[in-house]
C-alpha atoms as a PDB file:
ATOM      1  CA  MET A   1      57.966 136.594-114.700  1.00  0.00           C
ATOM      2  CA  LYS A   2      54.369 135.662-114.142  1.00  0.00           C
ATOM      3  CA  TYR A   3      54.947 131.926-113.656  1.00  0.00           C
ATOM      4  CA  GLU A   4      58.294 131.836-111.882  1.00  0.00           C
ATOM      5  CA  ASP A   5      56.862 129.728-109.035  1.00  0.00           C
ATOM      6  CA  ASN A   6      55.652 127.052-111.466  1.00  0.00           C
ATOM      7  CA  GLU A   7      58.298 124.323-111.621  1.00  0.00           C
ATOM      8  CA  ILE A   8      57.671 123.106-115.179  1.00  0.00           C
ATOM      9  CA  TYR A   9      57.450 126.639-116.518  1.00  0.00           C
ATOM     10  CA  ARG A  10      60.709 127.571-114.796  1.00  0.00           C
ATOM     11  CA  LYS A  11      62.514 124.406-115.943  1.00  0.00           C
ATOM     12  CA  SER A  12      61.355 124.784-119.543  1.00  0.00           C
ATOM     13  CA  PHE A  13      62.228 128.482-119.628  1.00  0.00           C
ATOM     14  CA  ASN A  14      65.724 127.863-118.256  1.00  0.00           C
ATOM     15  CA  PHE A  15      66.192 124.979-120.689  1.00  0.00           C
ATOM     16  CA  SER A  16      65.181 127.291-123.549  1.00  0.00           C
ATOM     17  CA  VAL A  17      67.740 129.857-122.437  1.00  0.00           C
ATOM     18  CA  ASP A  18      70.416 127.142-122.380  1.00  0.00           C
ATOM     19  CA  VAL A  19      69.465 125.938-125.870  1.00  0.00           C
ATOM     20  CA  VAL A  20      69.480 129.493-127.269  1.00  0.00           C
ATOM     21  CA  ASN A  21      73.013 129.877-125.914  1.00  0.00           C
ATOM     22  CA  LEU A  22      73.966 126.466-127.340  1.00  0.00           C
ATOM     23  CA  TYR A  23      72.508 127.508-130.703  1.00  0.00           C
ATOM     24  CA  ARG A  24      74.631 130.667-130.736  1.00  0.00           C
ATOM     25  CA  LYS A  25      77.743 128.655-129.912  1.00  0.00           C
ATOM     26  CA  LEU A  26      77.034 126.005-132.535  1.00  0.00           C
ATOM     27  CA  CYS A  27      76.382 128.581-135.245  1.00  0.00           C
ATOM     28  CA  LYS A  28      79.816 130.073-134.605  1.00  0.00           C
ATOM     29  CA  ASN A  29      81.518 126.679-134.826  1.00  0.00           C
ATOM     30  CA  GLY A  30      79.722 124.716-137.498  1.00  0.00           C
ATOM     31  CA  HIS A  31      77.788 124.565-140.707  1.00  0.00           C
ATOM     32  CA  GLU A  32      74.781 122.365-139.917  1.00  0.00           C
ATOM     33  CA  TYR A  33      72.532 125.389-139.494  1.00  0.00           C
ATOM     34  CA  GLU A  34      69.366 123.501-140.440  1.00  0.00           C
ATOM     35  CA  LEU A  35      69.972 120.994-137.656  1.00  0.00           C
ATOM     36  CA  TYR A  36      70.679 123.777-135.198  1.00  0.00           C
ATOM     37  CA  ASN A  37      67.434 125.500-136.179  1.00  0.00           C
ATOM     38  CA  GLN A  38      65.504 122.295-135.501  1.00  0.00           C
ATOM     39  CA  ILE A  39      66.638 121.985-131.897  1.00  0.00           C
ATOM     40  CA  LEU A  40      66.166 125.705-131.331  1.00  0.00           C
ATOM     41  CA  LYS A  41      62.554 125.521-132.550  1.00  0.00           C
ATOM     42  CA  SER A  42      61.581 122.396-130.654  1.00  0.00           C
ATOM     43  CA  ALA A  43      63.276 123.367-127.378  1.00  0.00           C
ATOM     44  CA  THR A  44      61.808 126.868-127.246  1.00  0.00           C
ATOM     45  CA  SER A  45      58.385 125.544-128.259  1.00  0.00           C
ATOM     46  CA  ILE A  46      58.204 123.513-125.033  1.00  0.00           C
ATOM     47  CA  GLY A  47      57.944 126.578-122.814  1.00  0.00           C
ATOM     48  CA  ALA A  48      55.769 128.475-125.271  1.00  0.00           C
ATOM     49  CA  ASN A  49      53.187 125.677-125.222  1.00  0.00           C
ATOM     50  CA  ILE A  50      53.364 125.397-121.435  1.00  0.00           C
ATOM     51  CA  THR A  51      52.642 129.117-121.207  1.00  0.00           C
ATOM     52  CA  GLU A  52      49.681 128.756-123.563  1.00  0.00           C
ATOM     53  CA  GLY A  53      48.416 125.818-121.523  1.00  0.00           C
ATOM     54  CA  LEU A  54      48.658 127.747-118.275  1.00  0.00           C
ATOM     55  CA  GLU A  55      46.510 130.425-119.886  1.00  0.00           C
ATOM     56  CA  GLY A  56      44.157 127.846-121.390  1.00  0.00           C
ATOM     57  CA  GLN A  57      40.439 128.410-121.382  1.00  0.00           C
ATOM     58  CA  SER A  58      39.614 124.882-120.226  1.00  0.00           C
ATOM     59  CA  LYS A  59      41.212 121.719-118.893  1.00  0.00           C
ATOM     60  CA  LYS A  60      40.908 120.264-122.385  1.00  0.00           C
ATOM     61  CA  ASP A  61      42.884 123.234-123.772  1.00  0.00           C
ATOM     62  CA  PHE A  62      45.424 122.826-120.942  1.00  0.00           C
ATOM     63  CA  VAL A  63      45.922 119.126-121.761  1.00  0.00           C
ATOM     64  CA  SER A  64      46.191 119.871-125.469  1.00  0.00           C
ATOM     65  CA  LYS A  65      48.951 122.471-125.015  1.00  0.00           C
ATOM     66  CA  PHE A  66      50.838 120.410-122.445  1.00  0.00           C
ATOM     67  CA  SER A  67      50.624 117.386-124.779  1.00  0.00           C
ATOM     68  CA  ILE A  68      52.151 119.491-127.551  1.00  0.00           C
ATOM     69  CA  ALA A  69      54.882 120.604-125.134  1.00  0.00           C
ATOM     70  CA  LEU A  70      55.550 116.935-124.366  1.00  0.00           C
ATOM     71  CA  LYS A  71      55.841 116.116-128.079  1.00  0.00           C
ATOM     72  CA  GLU A  72      58.241 119.045-128.566  1.00  0.00           C
ATOM     73  CA  ALA A  73      60.315 117.804-125.626  1.00  0.00           C
ATOM     74  CA  ALA A  74      60.514 114.345-127.207  1.00  0.00           C
ATOM     75  CA  GLU A  75      61.623 115.941-130.474  1.00  0.00           C
ATOM     76  CA  THR A  76      64.259 117.958-128.628  1.00  0.00           C
ATOM     77  CA  GLU A  77      65.550 114.764-127.045  1.00  0.00           C
ATOM     78  CA  TYR A  78      65.845 113.262-130.538  1.00  0.00           C
ATOM     79  CA  TRP A  79      67.975 116.192-131.718  1.00  0.00           C
ATOM     80  CA  LEU A  80      70.174 115.936-128.621  1.00  0.00           C
ATOM     81  CA  ASP A  81      70.722 112.225-129.267  1.00  0.00           C
ATOM     82  CA  LEU A  82      71.552 112.947-132.897  1.00  0.00           C
ATOM     83  CA  PHE A  83      73.960 115.717-131.897  1.00  0.00           C
ATOM     84  CA  ASN A  84      75.625 113.284-129.512  1.00  0.00           C
ATOM     85  CA  LYS A  85      76.015 110.502-132.105  1.00  0.00           C
ATOM     86  CA  THR A  86      77.386 112.919-134.705  1.00  0.00           C
ATOM     87  CA  ASN A  87      79.805 114.554-132.246  1.00  0.00           C
ATOM     88  CA  ILE A  88      78.186 117.958-132.510  1.00  0.00           C
ATOM     89  CA  LEU A  89      77.954 118.007-128.703  1.00  0.00           C
ATOM     90  CA  GLU A  90      80.692 117.032-126.313  1.00  0.00           C
ATOM     91  CA  GLU A  91      79.764 114.109-124.067  1.00  0.00           C
ATOM     92  CA  ASN A  92      79.522 116.116-120.833  1.00  0.00           C
ATOM     93  CA  GLU A  93      77.437 118.785-122.558  1.00  0.00           C
ATOM     94  CA  TYR A  94      75.149 116.111-123.975  1.00  0.00           C
ATOM     95  CA  ARG A  95      74.696 114.446-120.572  1.00  0.00           C
ATOM     96  CA  ASN A  96      73.664 117.748-118.981  1.00  0.00           C
ATOM     97  CA  TYR A  97      71.106 118.560-121.687  1.00  0.00           C
ATOM     98  CA  LYS A  98      69.858 114.973-121.723  1.00  0.00           C
ATOM     99  CA  LYS A  99      69.339 114.953-117.958  1.00  0.00           C
ATOM    100  CA  GLU A 100      67.344 118.168-118.116  1.00  0.00           C
ATOM    101  CA  ILE A 101      65.142 117.187-121.063  1.00  0.00           C
ATOM    102  CA  ARG A 102      64.373 113.810-119.424  1.00  0.00           C
ATOM    103  CA  SER A 103      63.326 115.661-116.271  1.00  0.00           C
ATOM    104  CA  ILE A 104      61.052 117.942-118.312  1.00  0.00           C
ATOM    105  CA  ILE A 105      59.556 114.948-120.142  1.00  0.00           C
ATOM    106  CA  ARG A 106      58.860 113.128-116.866  1.00  0.00           C
ATOM    107  CA  ILE A 107      57.135 116.151-115.343  1.00  0.00           C
ATOM    108  CA  LEU A 108      55.068 116.874-118.456  1.00  0.00           C
ATOM    109  CA  SER A 109      54.049 113.221-118.725  1.00  0.00           C
ATOM    110  CA  LYS A 110      52.848 113.206-115.116  1.00  0.00           C
ATOM    111  CA  ILE A 111      50.948 116.468-115.563  1.00  0.00           C
ATOM    112  CA  VAL A 112      49.209 115.303-118.748  1.00  0.00           C
ATOM    113  CA  ARG A 113      48.388 111.878-117.327  1.00  0.00           C
ATOM    114  CA  SER A 114      47.055 113.159-113.995  1.00  0.00           C
ATOM    115  CA  THR A 115      45.007 115.932-115.621  1.00  0.00           C
ATOM    116  CA  LYS A 116      43.452 113.461-118.057  1.00  0.00           C
ATOM    117  CA  ASN A 117      42.682 111.096-115.166  1.00  0.00           C
ATOM    118  CA  ASN A 118      41.080 113.922-113.183  1.00  0.00           C
ATOM    119  CA  MET A 119      39.003 114.928-116.205  1.00  0.00           C
ATOM    120  CA  GLU A 120      37.849 111.332-116.713  1.00  0.00           C
ATOM    121  CA  GLY A 121      37.002 111.039-113.021  1.00  0.00           C
ATOM    122  CA  ALA A 122      34.960 114.241-113.182  1.00  0.00           C
ATOM    123  CA  ASN A 123      33.110 112.945-116.253  1.00  0.00           C
ATOM    124  CA  ASN A 124      32.356 109.649-114.486  1.00  0.00           C
ATOM    125  CA  ASP A 125      31.057 111.550-111.450  1.00  0.00           C
ATOM    126  CA  LYS A 126      28.669 113.502-113.678  1.00  0.00           C
ATOM    127  CA  LYS A 127      27.402 110.301-115.305  1.00  0.00           C
ATOM    128  CA  SER A 128      26.654 108.654-111.948  1.00  0.00           C
ATOM    129  CA  VAL A 129      24.455 111.539-110.747  1.00  0.00           C
END
Protein backbone atom coordinates (compact mmCIF):
# COMPACT_ATOMS: atom_id res chain seq x y z
CA MET A 1 0.00 0.00 0.00
CA LYS A 2 1.21 3.44 -0.92
CA TYR A 3 0.02 5.19 2.25
CA GLU A 4 0.52 2.53 4.90
CA ASP A 5 2.62 4.89 7.05
CA ASN A 6 -0.16 7.50 7.12
CA GLU A 7 -2.15 7.00 10.32
CA ILE A 8 -5.53 8.28 9.11
CA TYR A 9 -5.27 6.37 5.86
CA ARG A 10 -4.40 3.18 7.72
CA LYS A 11 -7.16 3.63 10.31
CA SER A 12 -9.80 4.39 7.69
CA PHE A 13 -8.71 1.48 5.49
CA ASN A 14 -8.81 -0.97 8.39
CA PHE A 15 -12.19 0.40 9.47
CA SER A 16 -13.48 -0.12 5.92
CA VAL A 17 -12.30 -3.72 5.97
CA ASP A 18 -14.11 -4.25 9.29
CA VAL A 19 -17.33 -2.72 7.94
CA VAL A 20 -17.18 -4.83 4.76
CA ASN A 21 -16.92 -7.91 6.96
CA LEU A 22 -19.76 -6.63 9.16
CA TYR A 23 -21.85 -6.03 6.03
CA ARG A 24 -21.30 -9.61 4.88
CA LYS A 25 -22.30 -10.92 8.29
CA LEU A 26 -25.40 -8.74 8.51
CA CYS A 27 -26.57 -9.71 5.03
CA LYS A 28 -26.47 -13.36 6.06
CA ASN A 29 -28.49 -12.71 9.22
CA GLY A 30 -31.03 -10.05 8.37
CA HIS A 31 -33.30 -8.36 5.91
CA GLU A 32 -32.55 -4.65 6.30
CA TYR A 33 -30.34 -4.65 3.22
CA GLU A 34 -30.93 -0.97 2.46
CA LEU A 35 -29.66 0.00 5.90
CA TYR A 36 -26.66 -2.27 5.51
CA ASN A 37 -25.86 -0.67 2.15
CA GLN A 38 -25.93 2.78 3.75
CA ILE A 39 -23.25 2.00 6.32
CA LEU A 40 -21.18 0.15 3.73
CA LYS A 41 -21.22 3.18 1.41
CA SER A 42 -20.48 5.79 4.04
CA ALA A 43 -17.76 3.81 5.83
CA THR A 44 -15.85 2.90 2.68
CA SER A 45 -16.21 6.45 1.35
CA ILE A 46 -14.13 7.76 4.27
CA GLY A 47 -10.93 6.11 3.07
CA ALA A 48 -11.68 6.76 -0.59
CA ASN A 49 -11.94 10.50 0.08
CA ILE A 50 -8.80 10.47 2.22
CA THR A 51 -6.95 8.83 -0.66
CA GLU A 52 -8.24 11.45 -3.08
CA GLY A 53 -7.22 14.19 -0.66
CA LEU A 54 -3.71 12.80 -0.30
CA GLU A 55 -3.44 12.95 -4.08
CA GLY A 56 -5.03 16.40 -4.21
CA GLN A 57 -3.68 19.05 -6.51
CA SER A 58 -3.79 21.80 -3.89
CA LYS A 59 -4.33 22.38 -0.18
CA LYS A 60 -7.84 23.54 -1.03
CA ASP A 61 -8.50 20.21 -2.78
CA PHE A 62 -6.96 18.37 0.20
CA VAL A 63 -9.25 20.18 2.66
CA SER A 64 -12.28 19.58 0.45
CA LYS A 65 -11.71 15.81 0.26
CA PHE A 66 -10.84 15.48 3.94
CA SER A 67 -13.98 17.49 4.82
CA ILE A 68 -16.04 15.05 2.76
CA ALA A 69 -14.33 12.16 4.56
CA LEU A 70 -15.28 13.80 7.87
CA LYS A 71 -18.92 14.11 6.78
CA GLU A 72 -18.94 10.44 5.71
CA ALA A 73 -17.48 9.47 9.09
CA ALA A 74 -20.26 11.40 10.85
CA GLU A 75 -22.82 9.60 8.69
CA THR A 76 -21.23 6.26 9.53
CA GLU A 77 -21.48 7.10 13.22
CA TYR A 78 -25.19 7.81 12.72
CA TRP A 79 -25.73 4.37 11.17
CA LEU A 80 -23.80 2.71 14.00
CA ASP A 81 -25.96 4.49 16.58
CA LEU A 82 -29.09 3.45 14.72
CA PHE A 83 -27.88 -0.15 14.49
CA ASN A 84 -27.24 -0.07 18.23
CA LYS A 85 -30.70 1.31 19.12
CA THR A 86 -32.44 -1.19 16.85
CA ASN A 87 -30.40 -4.14 18.14
CA ILE A 88 -28.83 -4.87 14.78
CA LEU A 89 -25.42 -4.77 16.49
CA GLU A 90 -24.54 -6.42 19.76
CA GLU A 91 -23.43 -3.97 22.44
CA ASN A 92 -19.77 -5.02 22.49
CA GLU A 93 -19.61 -4.91 18.69
CA TYR A 94 -21.18 -1.46 18.71
CA ARG A 95 -18.72 -0.15 21.31
CA ASN A 96 -15.75 -1.31 19.24
CA TYR A 97 -17.02 0.30 16.03
CA LYS A 98 -18.06 3.44 17.89
CA LYS A 99 -14.63 3.81 19.49
CA GLU A 100 -12.92 3.50 16.12
CA ILE A 101 -15.20 5.90 14.24
CA ARG A 102 -14.85 8.50 17.02
CA SER A 103 -11.07 8.19 16.73
CA ILE A 104 -11.28 8.69 12.95
CA ILE A 105 -13.58 11.70 13.40
CA ARG A 106 -11.21 13.30 15.93
CA ILE A 107 -8.20 12.86 13.66
CA LEU A 108 -10.01 14.13 10.56
CA SER A 109 -11.34 17.13 12.48
CA LYS A 110 -7.84 18.05 13.64
CA ILE A 111 -6.40 17.64 10.15
CA VAL A 112 -9.10 19.78 8.51
CA ARG A 113 -8.93 22.46 11.20
CA SER A 114 -5.13 22.71 11.25
CA THR A 115 -4.86 22.73 7.45
CA LYS A 116 -7.46 25.49 7.19
CA ASN A 117 -5.62 27.47 9.88
CA ASN A 118 -2.32 27.05 8.04
CA MET A 119 -3.94 28.16 4.78
CA GLU A 120 -5.42 31.24 6.47
CA GLY A 121 -2.06 32.04 8.05
CA ALA A 122 -0.35 31.77 4.67
CA ASN A 123 -2.96 34.07 3.13
CA ASN A 124 -2.47 36.62 5.93
CA ASP A 125 1.31 36.48 5.41
CA LYS A 126 0.84 37.27 1.72
CA LYS A 127 -1.43 40.22 2.52
CA SER A 128 1.09 41.75 4.95
CA VAL A 129 3.91 41.78 2.37
